[in-house]
Protein backbone atom coordinates (compact mmCIF):
# COMPACT_ATOMS: atom_id res chain seq x y z
CA MET A 1 88.65 82.93 124.30
CA LYS A 2 87.71 81.11 121.13
CA TYR A 3 85.68 82.20 118.15
CA LYS A 4 82.41 80.30 118.00
CA ILE A 5 81.43 79.01 114.55
CA LYS A 6 77.74 79.55 113.86
CA LYS A 7 75.72 77.16 111.76
CA GLY A 8 75.74 78.30 108.15
CA ASP A 9 78.84 80.49 108.57
CA LYS A 10 81.09 80.64 105.53
CA MET A 11 84.66 79.57 106.34
CA LYS A 12 86.81 82.66 106.80
CA ASN A 13 90.21 82.94 105.17
CA ILE A 14 93.14 84.60 106.91
CA ALA A 15 96.38 85.81 105.33
CA VAL A 16 99.44 85.11 107.49
CA VAL A 17 102.54 87.16 106.70
CA LEU A 18 105.85 85.53 107.62
CA ALA A 19 109.21 87.28 107.89
CA GLY A 20 111.50 84.35 107.20
CA ASN A 21 112.30 81.40 109.45
CA GLY A 22 113.79 81.78 112.93
CA VAL A 23 113.46 84.24 115.78
CA TYR A 24 116.72 86.17 115.32
CA ASP A 25 116.50 86.89 111.59
CA GLY A 26 113.03 85.77 110.49
CA ALA A 27 109.60 84.80 111.77
CA GLU A 28 109.36 83.49 115.34
CA ILE A 29 108.47 79.86 114.67
CA HIS A 30 106.36 79.26 117.79
CA GLU A 31 104.31 82.39 117.14
CA ALA A 32 103.90 81.55 113.47
CA THR A 33 102.94 77.91 114.02
CA LEU A 34 100.59 78.64 116.92
CA THR A 35 98.90 81.34 114.84
CA LEU A 36 98.27 78.80 112.09
CA LEU A 37 96.99 76.30 114.67
CA ALA A 38 94.65 78.88 116.24
CA ILE A 39 93.20 79.75 112.84
CA ALA A 40 92.55 76.10 112.02
CA GLN A 41 91.17 75.25 115.47
CA GLN A 42 88.73 78.13 115.26
CA GLY A 43 87.28 76.95 111.98
CA ALA A 44 89.03 79.24 109.50
CA ALA A 45 91.52 78.69 106.68
CA TYR A 46 94.87 80.38 106.14
CA GLN A 47 97.26 81.27 103.35
CA CYS A 48 100.87 82.13 104.14
CA PHE A 49 102.65 85.02 102.43
CA ALA A 50 106.12 86.57 102.62
CA PRO A 51 107.92 89.29 100.68
CA ASP A 52 110.23 87.99 97.97
CA VAL A 53 113.33 89.86 99.16
CA ASP A 54 116.70 89.07 100.74
CA GLN A 55 116.87 88.94 104.52
CA ALA A 56 118.61 91.84 106.27
CA HIS A 57 121.18 89.30 107.45
CA VAL A 58 121.50 85.68 108.59
CA VAL A 59 122.05 84.82 112.27
CA ASN A 60 123.44 81.61 113.74
CA HIS A 61 120.71 80.62 116.17
CA ILE A 62 123.17 78.82 118.47
CA SER A 63 125.85 81.49 118.82
CA GLY A 64 123.77 84.55 117.97
CA GLU A 65 126.49 85.66 115.56
CA GLU A 66 125.90 86.96 112.05
CA MET A 67 126.80 84.54 109.26
CA PRO A 68 128.32 85.39 105.85
CA GLU A 69 125.27 84.19 103.90
CA THR A 70 122.40 85.60 101.90
CA ARG A 71 118.93 84.09 102.26
CA ASN A 72 115.56 84.97 100.76
CA VAL A 73 112.65 85.77 103.08
CA LEU A 74 110.07 83.97 100.94
CA VAL A 75 112.22 80.86 100.50
CA GLU A 76 112.99 80.66 104.23
CA ALA A 77 109.36 81.29 105.24
CA ALA A 78 108.32 78.44 102.95
CA ARG A 79 109.91 76.09 105.50
CA ILE A 80 107.23 77.04 108.06
CA ALA A 81 104.46 76.97 105.43
CA ARG A 82 105.56 73.53 104.16
CA GLY A 83 105.94 75.09 100.72
CA ASN A 84 102.38 76.42 100.54
CA ILE A 85 103.24 80.12 100.39
CA LYS A 86 102.81 83.05 98.04
CA ALA A 87 104.82 86.21 97.43
CA LEU A 88 103.25 89.07 99.37
CA SER A 89 103.05 91.04 96.12
CA GLU A 90 100.20 88.66 95.17
CA TYR A 91 98.09 89.55 98.23
CA ASN A 92 94.63 90.91 97.40
CA ALA A 93 92.63 92.13 100.41
CA ALA A 94 89.38 91.27 98.62
CA ASP A 95 90.27 87.57 98.80
CA TYR A 96 90.80 87.44 102.58
CA ASP A 97 88.81 88.26 105.71
CA ALA A 98 91.81 89.43 107.75
CA ILE A 99 95.60 89.55 107.81
CA ILE A 100 97.97 88.70 110.66
CA PHE A 101 101.68 89.23 111.32
CA PRO A 102 103.49 86.88 113.74
CA GLY A 103 106.58 88.34 115.38
CA GLY A 104 110.26 87.52 115.51
CA PHE A 105 113.16 89.86 114.74
CA GLY A 106 112.49 89.34 111.04
CA ALA A 107 109.34 91.43 111.42
CA ALA A 108 111.58 94.31 112.54
CA LYS A 109 114.42 93.53 110.13
CA ASN A 110 112.87 92.16 106.93
CA LEU A 111 109.29 93.49 106.94
CA CYS A 112 110.50 96.85 108.20
CA THR A 113 113.78 98.22 109.58
CA PHE A 114 112.61 99.09 113.11
CA ALA A 115 115.33 96.89 114.65
CA PHE A 116 117.99 99.05 113.00
CA ASP A 117 116.37 102.47 112.61
CA GLY A 118 113.70 102.71 115.35
CA PRO A 119 110.95 105.24 114.57
CA ASP A 120 112.82 106.31 111.41
CA CYS A 121 112.36 102.83 109.96
CA LYS A 122 111.22 102.03 106.45
CA VAL A 123 108.51 99.46 105.71
CA ASN A 124 108.75 96.95 102.88
CA PRO A 125 106.48 98.30 100.08
CA ASP A 126 104.49 95.06 99.76
CA VAL A 127 103.94 94.97 103.53
CA GLU A 128 102.76 98.58 103.62
CA LYS A 129 100.47 98.02 100.64
CA ALA A 130 98.94 94.90 102.26
CA ILE A 131 98.25 96.68 105.55
CA LYS A 132 96.73 99.74 103.92
CA ALA A 133 94.59 97.66 101.56
CA THR A 134 93.26 95.58 104.46
CA VAL A 135 92.47 98.65 106.56
CA ASP A 136 90.82 100.39 103.60
CA ALA A 137 88.65 97.29 103.16
CA LYS A 138 87.69 97.59 106.85
CA LYS A 139 89.07 94.14 107.61
CA PRO A 140 91.01 93.17 110.76
CA VAL A 141 94.79 93.29 111.09
CA GLY A 142 96.48 91.17 113.77
CA ALA A 143 100.03 91.63 115.02
CA LEU A 144 102.05 89.65 117.57
CA CYS A 145 105.21 90.45 119.53
CA ILE A 146 107.28 93.19 117.80
CA SER A 147 105.24 93.22 114.59
CA PRO A 148 102.92 95.98 115.94
CA ALA A 149 105.90 98.27 115.19
CA ILE A 150 105.12 97.80 111.50
CA ILE A 151 101.49 98.75 112.07
CA ALA A 152 102.59 101.79 114.06
CA LYS A 153 104.80 103.04 111.23
CA VAL A 154 102.13 102.52 108.58
CA LEU A 155 99.06 103.82 110.45
CA GLY A 156 100.43 106.22 113.08
CA ASP A 157 97.45 107.05 115.29
CA VAL A 158 96.66 103.48 116.33
CA THR A 159 96.19 101.93 119.78
CA LEU A 160 98.29 98.81 120.32
CA THR A 161 100.64 96.89 122.60
CA ILE A 162 104.11 95.39 122.52
CA GLY A 163 103.87 94.37 126.19
CA GLN A 164 105.76 96.34 128.83
CA ASP A 165 109.08 97.39 127.31
CA LYS A 166 109.23 101.14 127.95
CA GLY A 167 111.94 101.91 125.39
CA THR A 168 110.07 100.22 122.56
CA ALA A 169 106.75 101.70 123.69
CA ASP A 170 108.26 105.19 123.78
CA ALA A 171 109.67 104.75 120.28
CA LEU A 172 106.25 103.72 118.97
CA GLU A 173 104.48 106.55 120.77
CA SER A 174 106.78 108.98 118.94
CA LEU A 175 104.97 107.83 115.79
CA GLY A 176 101.60 108.88 117.22
CA VAL A 177 100.69 105.52 118.74
CA THR A 178 98.75 105.02 121.97
CA HIS A 179 100.52 102.17 123.74
CA ILE A 180 98.82 100.05 126.40
CA ASN A 181 100.87 97.84 128.72
CA THR A 182 99.75 94.21 128.69
CA THR A 183 100.74 90.85 130.09
CA HIS A 184 100.54 87.28 128.81
CA GLY A 185 97.60 86.49 126.56
CA GLU A 186 96.08 89.95 126.76
CA ILE A 187 95.05 91.73 123.59
CA VAL A 188 94.54 95.38 122.69
CA VAL A 189 91.88 96.24 120.13
CA ASP A 190 91.84 99.41 118.05
CA GLU A 191 88.22 99.70 116.96
CA LYS A 192 88.90 102.43 114.38
CA TYR A 193 91.40 100.42 112.34
CA LYS A 194 90.33 96.92 113.52
CA VAL A 195 93.90 96.27 114.70
CA ILE A 196 94.41 93.56 117.34
CA THR A 197 97.78 93.14 119.07
CA THR A 198 99.34 90.99 121.81
CA PRO A 199 102.88 90.90 123.29
CA CYS A 200 103.87 87.20 123.02
CA TYR A 201 107.69 86.92 123.22
CA MET A 202 108.13 90.64 123.91
CA LEU A 203 107.54 89.28 127.41
CA ASP A 204 109.43 86.41 129.06
CA ALA A 205 106.83 83.88 127.95
CA THR A 206 106.23 80.15 127.82
CA ILE A 207 104.99 78.41 124.70
CA THR A 208 101.56 77.94 126.30
CA GLN A 209 101.36 81.70 126.93
CA ILE A 210 102.24 82.28 123.27
CA ALA A 211 99.40 79.95 122.31
CA ASP A 212 97.00 81.96 124.49
CA GLY A 213 98.01 85.24 122.86
CA ALA A 214 97.80 83.89 119.32
CA SER A 215 94.43 82.25 120.00
CA ASN A 216 92.98 85.41 121.53
CA VAL A 217 94.09 87.60 118.62
CA VAL A 218 92.70 85.16 116.06
CA ALA A 219 89.39 84.88 117.94
CA LYS A 220 88.97 88.66 117.98
CA MET A 221 89.93 88.95 114.31
CA LEU A 222 87.32 86.37 113.33
CA GLU A 223 84.72 88.10 115.47
CA MET A 224 85.43 91.43 113.78
CA ALA A 225 85.76 90.04 110.25
C-alpha cells in the first residue's frame, strides 16, 4: 500500500517524534529510519522532533544492563535525524499535515512512563500537547509498536493496536481503548481521531515487516491528511 501522488498535489509535511536513540532506552532505530524512508518514498517531507528532557535511564544495548549515565532525549535523537531536529516544544500543528511516533522502549519511558507505571503512566507535557493539537486540527496521528500506549493515555476512547500481547492490550483497554489484534504490516484506523497504528516490533518481526508496517501507516496518514 503506497500513497499515490496526484498531479498538482502540494508536498505534505509530516512531524516525526523520536524518543531518543536505541530500542531499549530510546527510539527504535529501524522503525524510526523506515518511517522517514516511507515518508520520502511516498512524496512527502518530514521534520524530526524530540522532547528536550533527560532520558529515564541509559541501557547498555549489548548486556541490557542500566548504565550510570545521564543522556538527553533530544541530543540522542539528533543522531537518527543527522542533526536536523527540533525540540518538541516548538511543534505547531498548523505547520504540519500529520504527526507520527515510531516505537522503542523510549516511547514508553521518555515520552510517557507506561513502561514503569502501566495505565497510571504520565505523558510528557510537550508530547500530550502535540497530540491534542494535532487531533484538534483534525490531522492524522500515526503510532508504531508500543507508542500507541501514549495515544491511549491522551485520548482514551480510541481504537488502536499494539499487536497481540494480551497483557499490554488489557492495560490499554483499562484506559477506555478498543484494542484490535493485528499481525505484521496490518494497520488499525480510528476514523474519529484519525489515529493509525501498527504493531511493528511488538511482534517478532523482520526488518522487511517493519518496513511494511511503517509504509502502510504513512500511506494511510497521507490519504487522510
